[in-house]
Every structure is written in C-alpha cells, then in structure tokens.
Amino acid sequence: MVLNKFQLINTKYFNGLFTVVFCLAVLLFVIFFIKKDAVKRRMIFTLASIVIMTAPLFVVKPIGSRCFLPTYILFILFVVDLINYIHFY
C-alpha cells in the first residue's frame, strides 16, 4: 500500500510524537523560564497531575471524551497560572 505525504502526517505515531514533544516543551519552559519558585512548583504539580490522571485511561476500554474532562480542567488551570504569571510578574 502506497501512502502519500498527507496520510503519513495523519498517522497516530506522528500525533503521539508531536504530543510528547509538546509536553516536553511545556515542561522545559516551566523549569527554565519561570523564576518564582512557588509558581514553578504549582505549575509542575499541575502538569504532573495531568499525567497521573491520564495514565489509567490508557488501559480502560471503552473510553469516551468525558474521561478527559478533569485533565482539560487542569490544563485550563495551568494556562490561567501562566497568564497570571506573565501579566503580573
């Protein structure tokens, strides 16, 4: 079976790799660019909580979009912390 470039970009492996790169970039951004320790700890705790809450969903079948609601809420809290840090510091 011959795959064109568009089909290669939309593979689950490409999406997984892109997700891992994004998560590492966000984590490294927090570690290297956030100067206040309390804010840095809170952001890292939020990111770790997202990972911990998502991990059991890899073995659960069937899975629905409602399963990811807590992780979406935590990521929104992370973004609010980031905006708050950028705005006030």
Protein backbone atom coordinates (compact mmCIF):
# COMPACT_ATOMS: atom_id res chain seq x y z
CA MET A 1 0.00 0.00 0.00
CA VAL A 2 1.43 3.34 -1.04
CA LEU A 3 0.93 6.26 1.36
CA ASN A 4 1.13 9.85 0.26
CA LYS A 5 2.55 12.64 2.44
CA PHE A 6 -0.85 13.66 3.84
CA GLN A 7 -1.54 10.15 5.11
CA LEU A 8 1.88 9.94 6.77
CA ILE A 9 1.29 13.20 8.63
CA ASN A 10 -2.05 11.99 9.98
CA THR A 11 -0.78 8.77 11.50
CA LYS A 12 -1.19 8.03 15.17
CA TYR A 13 2.59 7.79 15.52
CA PHE A 14 3.09 11.33 14.25
CA ASN A 15 0.36 12.60 16.59
CA GLY A 16 1.93 10.76 19.52
CA LEU A 17 5.39 12.11 18.75
CA PHE A 18 4.03 15.64 18.40
CA THR A 19 2.23 15.30 21.75
CA VAL A 20 5.40 14.11 23.51
CA VAL A 21 7.42 16.98 22.02
CA PHE A 22 4.74 19.48 23.10
CA CYS A 23 4.64 18.12 26.67
CA LEU A 24 8.42 18.23 26.97
CA ALA A 25 8.50 21.77 25.60
CA VAL A 26 5.89 22.93 28.13
CA LEU A 27 7.74 21.25 31.00
CA LEU A 28 11.11 22.68 29.95
CA PHE A 29 9.54 26.12 29.56
CA VAL A 30 8.26 25.99 33.12
CA ILE A 31 11.55 24.71 34.50
CA PHE A 32 13.81 27.23 32.75
CA PHE A 33 11.73 30.39 32.35
CA ILE A 34 9.51 30.66 35.42
CA LYS A 35 11.55 32.45 38.09
CA LYS A 36 9.27 32.35 41.14
CA ASP A 37 9.63 29.03 42.97
CA ALA A 38 6.07 28.91 44.31
CA VAL A 39 4.59 29.44 40.85
CA LYS A 40 7.03 26.94 39.33
CA ARG A 41 6.10 24.26 41.88
CA ARG A 42 2.38 24.84 41.35
CA MET A 43 2.74 24.59 37.56
CA ILE A 44 4.84 21.43 37.73
CA PHE A 45 2.34 19.93 40.18
CA THR A 46 -0.49 20.72 37.75
CA LEU A 47 1.38 19.12 34.84
CA ALA A 48 2.21 16.05 36.94
CA SER A 49 -1.45 15.79 37.96
CA ILE A 50 -2.47 15.80 34.31
CA VAL A 51 -0.10 12.91 33.60
CA ILE A 52 -1.24 10.95 36.65
CA MET A 53 -4.92 11.40 35.80
CA THR A 54 -4.40 10.44 32.14
CA ALA A 55 -2.26 7.34 32.75
CA PRO A 56 -5.09 4.98 33.81
CA LEU A 57 -7.05 5.91 30.70
CA PHE A 58 -4.52 4.04 28.55
CA VAL A 59 -5.80 0.70 29.85
CA VAL A 60 -9.53 1.45 30.14
CA LYS A 61 -11.83 0.31 27.34
CA PRO A 62 -14.15 1.83 26.10
CA ILE A 63 -13.01 5.37 26.57
CA GLY A 64 -15.05 8.48 25.94
CA SER A 65 -14.41 12.17 25.82
CA ARG A 66 -15.92 12.60 29.29
CA CYS A 67 -12.98 10.69 30.75
CA PHE A 68 -10.65 13.53 29.85
CA LEU A 69 -12.72 16.33 31.41
CA PRO A 70 -10.59 16.58 34.61
CA THR A 71 -7.40 16.79 32.56
CA TYR A 72 -8.90 19.55 30.41
CA ILE A 73 -9.82 21.47 33.54
CA LEU A 74 -6.30 21.06 34.96
CA PHE A 75 -4.75 22.24 31.70
CA ILE A 76 -7.03 25.31 31.77
CA LEU A 77 -5.81 25.99 35.33
CA PHE A 78 -2.23 25.66 34.10
CA VAL A 79 -2.88 28.19 31.32
CA VAL A 80 -4.55 30.58 33.79
CA ASP A 81 -1.48 30.32 36.07
CA LEU A 82 0.76 31.01 33.10
CA ILE A 83 -1.26 34.04 32.01
CA ASN A 84 -1.33 35.30 35.58
CA TYR A 85 2.45 34.92 35.84
CA ILE A 86 3.04 36.72 32.54
CA HIS A 87 0.65 39.53 33.43
CA PHE A 88 1.79 40.26 36.99
CA TYR A 89 5.46 39.34 37.04
